[in-house]
Protein backbone atom coordinates (compact mmCIF):
# COMPACT_ATOMS: atom_id res chain seq x y z
CA UNK A 1 0.00 0.00 0.00
CA UNK A 2 1.36 3.44 -0.95
CA UNK A 3 0.50 6.43 1.22
CA UNK A 4 0.58 10.03 0.04
CA UNK A 5 0.35 13.32 1.91
CA UNK A 6 -0.94 16.59 0.51
CA UNK A 7 1.56 17.86 -2.07
CA UNK A 8 3.23 21.23 -1.54
CA UNK A 9 5.83 22.17 -4.15
CA UNK A 10 6.56 24.53 -7.01
CA UNK A 11 4.52 24.18 -10.24
CA UNK A 12 5.62 21.71 -12.88
CA UNK A 13 7.03 23.47 -15.94
CA UNK A 14 8.88 20.87 -18.06
CA UNK A 15 7.56 17.46 -19.12
CA UNK A 16 9.07 14.97 -21.57
CA UNK A 17 7.35 12.00 -23.21
CA UNK A 18 9.93 9.35 -24.13
CA UNK A 19 9.17 6.69 -26.73
CA UNK A 20 11.49 4.12 -28.28
CA UNK A 21 13.77 3.52 -25.30
CA UNK A 22 13.35 -0.05 -26.54
CA UNK A 23 13.14 0.19 -30.29
CA UNK A 24 10.68 -2.68 -30.80
CA UNK A 25 8.04 -1.38 -28.33
CA UNK A 26 5.90 0.38 -30.86
CA UNK A 27 3.09 2.11 -28.94
CA UNK A 28 5.40 4.77 -27.51
CA UNK A 29 7.24 5.07 -30.82
CA UNK A 30 3.97 5.55 -32.70
CA UNK A 31 2.63 8.13 -30.25
CA UNK A 32 5.86 10.14 -30.11
CA UNK A 33 6.05 10.25 -33.91
CA UNK A 34 2.40 11.35 -33.99
CA UNK A 35 3.00 14.11 -31.41
CA UNK A 36 6.13 15.31 -33.18
CA UNK A 37 3.97 15.96 -36.25
CA UNK A 38 1.02 17.42 -34.32
CA UNK A 39 1.33 17.86 -30.57
CA UNK A 40 -1.96 19.67 -29.95
CA UNK A 41 -3.40 16.90 -27.77
CA UNK A 42 -0.46 16.90 -25.35
CA UNK A 43 -0.12 20.65 -24.91
CA UNK A 44 -1.29 22.16 -21.62
CA UNK A 45 -1.27 25.82 -20.61
CA UNK A 46 1.87 26.82 -18.73
CA UNK A 47 3.66 23.55 -19.57
CA UNK A 48 6.47 22.71 -21.92
CA UNK A 49 5.63 19.18 -23.10
CA UNK A 50 8.27 17.62 -25.34
CA UNK A 51 7.86 14.29 -27.15
CA UNK A 52 11.20 12.61 -27.80
CA UNK A 53 12.41 9.47 -29.57
CA UNK A 54 15.10 8.11 -27.26
CA UNK A 55 16.76 5.32 -29.29
CA UNK A 56 16.26 6.13 -32.98
CA UNK A 57 18.75 3.55 -34.33
CA UNK A 58 17.00 0.74 -32.47
CA UNK A 59 13.61 2.05 -33.64
CA UNK A 60 14.84 2.03 -37.25
CA UNK A 61 15.86 -1.62 -36.90
CA UNK A 62 12.83 -2.51 -34.72
CA UNK A 63 15.09 -4.14 -32.19
CA UNK A 64 15.27 -3.72 -28.41
CA UNK A 65 18.68 -2.04 -28.59
CA UNK A 66 21.82 -1.83 -30.73
CA UNK A 67 24.67 -2.53 -28.27
CA UNK A 68 23.16 -2.55 -24.75
CA UNK A 69 19.94 -1.74 -22.90
CA UNK A 70 19.46 2.04 -22.86
CA UNK A 71 17.06 1.69 -19.93
CA UNK A 72 19.85 0.52 -17.58
CA UNK A 73 22.60 3.05 -18.37
CA UNK A 74 21.71 6.22 -16.44
CA UNK A 75 24.12 5.65 -13.57
CA UNK A 76 27.04 7.99 -12.76
CA UNK A 77 29.70 5.69 -14.25
CA UNK A 78 28.09 5.53 -17.70
CA UNK A 79 27.07 9.18 -17.75
CA UNK A 80 30.66 10.26 -16.98
CA UNK A 81 32.47 7.89 -19.36
CA UNK A 82 34.93 9.48 -21.75
CA UNK A 83 33.68 9.32 -25.33
CA UNK A 84 35.63 7.03 -27.63
CA UNK A 85 35.04 5.47 -31.03
CA UNK A 86 34.44 2.11 -29.35
CA UNK A 87 31.85 3.45 -26.90
CA UNK A 88 28.57 1.49 -27.20
CA UNK A 89 25.90 3.43 -29.07
CA UNK A 90 23.43 3.42 -26.17
CA UNK A 91 26.02 4.74 -23.69
CA UNK A 92 26.71 7.66 -26.02
CA UNK A 93 22.98 8.16 -26.46
CA UNK A 94 22.45 8.11 -22.67
CA UNK A 95 24.96 10.92 -22.31
CA UNK A 96 23.20 12.93 -25.02
CA UNK A 97 19.81 12.44 -23.38
CA UNK A 98 21.23 13.39 -19.99
CA UNK A 99 22.66 16.58 -21.48
CA UNK A 100 19.33 17.48 -23.10
CA UNK A 101 16.95 16.64 -20.25
CA UNK A 102 19.25 16.79 -17.21
CA UNK A 103 21.78 16.74 -15.89
CA UNK A 104 20.47 14.02 -13.61
CA UNK A 105 20.08 15.08 -9.96
CA UNK A 106 20.38 18.77 -10.86
CA UNK A 107 17.98 21.69 -10.57
CA UNK A 108 18.04 21.99 -14.37
CA UNK A 109 16.67 18.46 -14.91
CA UNK A 110 13.19 18.11 -16.39
CA UNK A 111 10.44 18.10 -13.80
CA UNK A 112 8.62 15.00 -15.11
CA UNK A 113 9.56 12.34 -17.65
CA UNK A 114 7.11 9.69 -18.84
CA UNK A 115 8.87 6.68 -20.37
CA UNK A 116 6.46 4.75 -22.61
CA UNK A 117 6.99 0.99 -22.83
CA UNK A 118 5.25 -2.11 -24.12
CA UNK A 119 5.40 -5.62 -22.76
CA UNK A 120 4.34 -9.03 -24.04
CA UNK A 121 2.98 -9.66 -20.51
CA UNK A 122 -0.71 -9.19 -19.77
CA UNK A 123 -0.13 -6.14 -17.53
CA UNK A 124 -2.84 -3.94 -18.99
CA UNK A 125 -2.10 -0.25 -18.53
CA UNK A 126 0.42 -0.26 -15.68
CA UNK A 127 2.12 2.81 -14.19
CA UNK A 128 5.59 2.38 -12.69
CA UNK A 129 6.57 4.23 -9.53
CA UNK A 130 10.30 4.53 -8.73
CA UNK A 131 10.12 6.20 -5.32
CA UNK A 132 7.57 5.46 -2.59
CA UNK A 133 8.18 8.94 -1.12
CA UNK A 134 7.39 10.86 -4.32
CA UNK A 135 4.08 12.31 -3.15
CA UNK A 136 3.55 14.20 -6.42
CA UNK A 137 3.73 11.10 -8.62
CA UNK A 138 1.65 9.07 -6.15
CA UNK A 139 -1.08 11.72 -6.26
CA UNK A 140 -0.87 11.80 -10.07
CA UNK A 141 -1.19 8.02 -10.36
CA UNK A 142 -4.09 8.06 -7.89
CA UNK A 143 -5.80 10.66 -10.09
CA UNK A 144 -5.20 8.61 -13.25
CA UNK A 145 -6.54 5.44 -11.62
CA UNK A 146 -9.75 7.25 -10.68
CA UNK A 147 -10.06 8.81 -14.13
CA UNK A 148 -9.74 5.40 -15.81
CA UNK A 149 -12.10 3.58 -13.42
CA UNK A 150 -13.71 1.07 -13.75
CA UNK A 151 -10.87 0.03 -16.06
CA UNK A 152 -7.87 -1.21 -14.08
CA UNK A 153 -4.61 0.70 -13.83
CA UNK A 154 -2.15 -1.38 -11.76
CA UNK A 155 0.83 0.31 -10.11
CA UNK A 156 4.28 -1.29 -9.90
CA UNK A 157 6.79 0.03 -7.34
CA UNK A 158 10.33 -0.86 -8.46
CA UNK A 159 12.03 0.54 -5.36
CA UNK A 160 14.26 -2.19 -3.92
CA UNK A 161 17.43 -2.09 -1.78
CA UNK A 162 19.29 -4.64 -3.90
CA UNK A 163 17.77 -4.27 -7.37
CA UNK A 164 18.87 -0.94 -8.82
CA UNK A 165 17.35 0.50 -12.00
CA UNK A 166 19.27 3.32 -13.70
CA UNK A 167 16.34 4.01 -16.01
CA UNK A 168 16.10 6.51 -18.83
CA UNK A 169 13.37 8.43 -17.00
CA UNK A 170 15.46 8.65 -13.81
CA UNK A 171 16.98 11.87 -15.17
CA UNK A 172 13.80 13.69 -14.11
CA UNK A 173 12.97 15.07 -10.70
CA UNK A 174 9.77 13.01 -10.92
CA UNK A 175 10.14 9.91 -13.15
CA UNK A 176 7.21 7.70 -14.10
CA UNK A 177 7.03 4.64 -16.35
CA UNK A 178 4.07 3.52 -18.42
CA UNK A 179 4.09 -0.19 -19.30
CA UNK A 180 1.20 -1.41 -21.46
CA UNK A 181 0.50 -4.90 -22.77
CA UNK A 182 0.14 -7.55 -23.96
CA UNK A 183 1.57 -6.55 -27.32
CA UNK A 184 3.97 -8.52 -29.53
CA UNK A 185 7.27 -6.76 -30.11
CA UNK A 186 7.58 -4.83 -33.35
CA UNK A 187 3.86 -4.34 -33.98
CA UNK A 188 1.09 -2.00 -32.82
CA UNK A 189 -2.27 -2.99 -31.34
CA UNK A 190 -4.94 -0.29 -31.40
CA UNK A 191 -6.39 -1.14 -27.97
CA UNK A 192 -2.92 -1.11 -26.33
CA UNK A 193 -2.05 2.18 -28.04
CA UNK A 194 -5.31 3.72 -26.78
CA UNK A 195 -4.58 2.62 -23.18
CA UNK A 196 -1.21 4.32 -23.28
CA UNK A 197 -2.67 7.45 -24.83
CA UNK A 198 -5.36 7.65 -22.14
CA UNK A 199 -2.82 7.35 -19.33
CA UNK A 200 -0.73 10.16 -20.80
CA UNK A 201 -3.78 12.37 -21.30
CA UNK A 202 -5.03 12.04 -17.73
CA UNK A 203 -1.51 12.47 -16.34
CA UNK A 204 -1.07 15.76 -18.20
CA UNK A 205 -4.53 16.86 -17.03
CA UNK A 206 -3.47 16.23 -13.43
CA UNK A 207 -0.31 18.30 -13.87
CA UNK A 208 -2.32 21.18 -15.31
CA UNK A 209 -4.84 21.04 -12.44
CA UNK A 210 -1.99 20.92 -9.93
CA UNK A 211 -0.36 23.98 -11.50
CA UNK A 212 -3.69 25.81 -11.34
CA UNK A 213 -3.74 25.31 -7.57
CA UNK A 214 -6.12 22.38 -7.16
CA UNK A 215 -5.52 20.65 -3.84
CA UNK A 216 -5.54 16.89 -3.45
CA UNK A 217 -6.25 15.25 -0.08
CA UNK A 218 -4.02 12.51 1.37
CA UNK A 219 -4.59 9.18 -0.36
CA UNK A 220 -3.68 5.50 -0.29
CA UNK A 221 -3.53 3.03 -3.14
CA UNK A 222 -2.56 -0.57 -3.76
CA UNK A 223 0.78 -1.18 -5.42
CA UNK A 224 2.67 -4.25 -6.59
CA UNK A 225 6.20 -4.38 -5.26
CA UNK A 226 9.25 -6.11 -6.73
CA UNK A 227 10.67 -8.63 -4.25
CA UNK A 228 13.17 -10.58 -6.36
CA UNK A 229 14.07 -11.64 -9.88
CA UNK A 230 13.64 -15.30 -10.83
CA UNK A 231 15.15 -16.50 -14.11
CA UNK A 232 13.74 -19.24 -16.31
CA UNK A 233 15.13 -22.74 -15.73
CA UNK A 234 18.12 -23.33 -18.01
CA UNK A 235 20.01 -26.40 -19.20
CA UNK A 236 23.76 -27.00 -18.93
CA UNK A 237 24.34 -24.88 -22.06
CA UNK A 238 22.50 -21.93 -20.56
CA UNK A 239 19.51 -22.29 -22.87
CA UNK A 240 16.02 -21.65 -21.47
CA UNK A 241 14.39 -25.03 -20.82
CA UNK A 242 10.84 -24.00 -19.90
CA UNK A 243 7.94 -21.87 -21.13
CA UNK A 244 5.05 -20.11 -19.38
CA UNK A 245 2.17 -22.54 -18.90
CA UNK A 246 -0.85 -21.74 -21.03
CA UNK A 247 -3.05 -21.29 -17.95
CA UNK A 248 -0.77 -18.45 -16.78
CA UNK A 249 0.00 -16.85 -20.15
């Protein structure tokens, strides 16, 4: 259960919408490309809302990444690495993104970043919370859940003492992930796209209301919490030797 107090902070001024962090997750890619051509639906008064394609080379090839997972590279070591010709593409791209939307952990970093992902898992429209003490994002997710009701909007808290996630969105003062599925990699499903679009719309509405001075009372909401990672069974050669049972798929 996540608890949230009344939020008291400066207005939100800068918001980024990231798509294509994984180049074969096509809902975010499709929406970002749409908004880059016509961003009227994401604009809100007093807000700078910027759609951005994070991993264009992977998007072009419709693959998860080129050299390494962009969504795990936003740690100090990678962001400070000296640029060389042999530097992996995604490490170089992480540094570019950090320069544009950060620097991470600075006052100049974007206020909010939404990172739009797809999954083959049947997660529906899930919102990902990185920090259980981020009252602003908790209030926003609570608002979105109510706006989408009676449709479900699960919340996943990835805060864990031993499992660290240096995510693309972690540049922002207030990062939030959007994970929508099930959708096969490399394709677009209209219903999955619409779920993602709805979540973004209601989230931006909340930010606008917050900036206008609307007050939100303390709230609680149910969250799913990561406890551990369990790999598939593997044989002596390291190959996966099991599949998800059809009753659980």
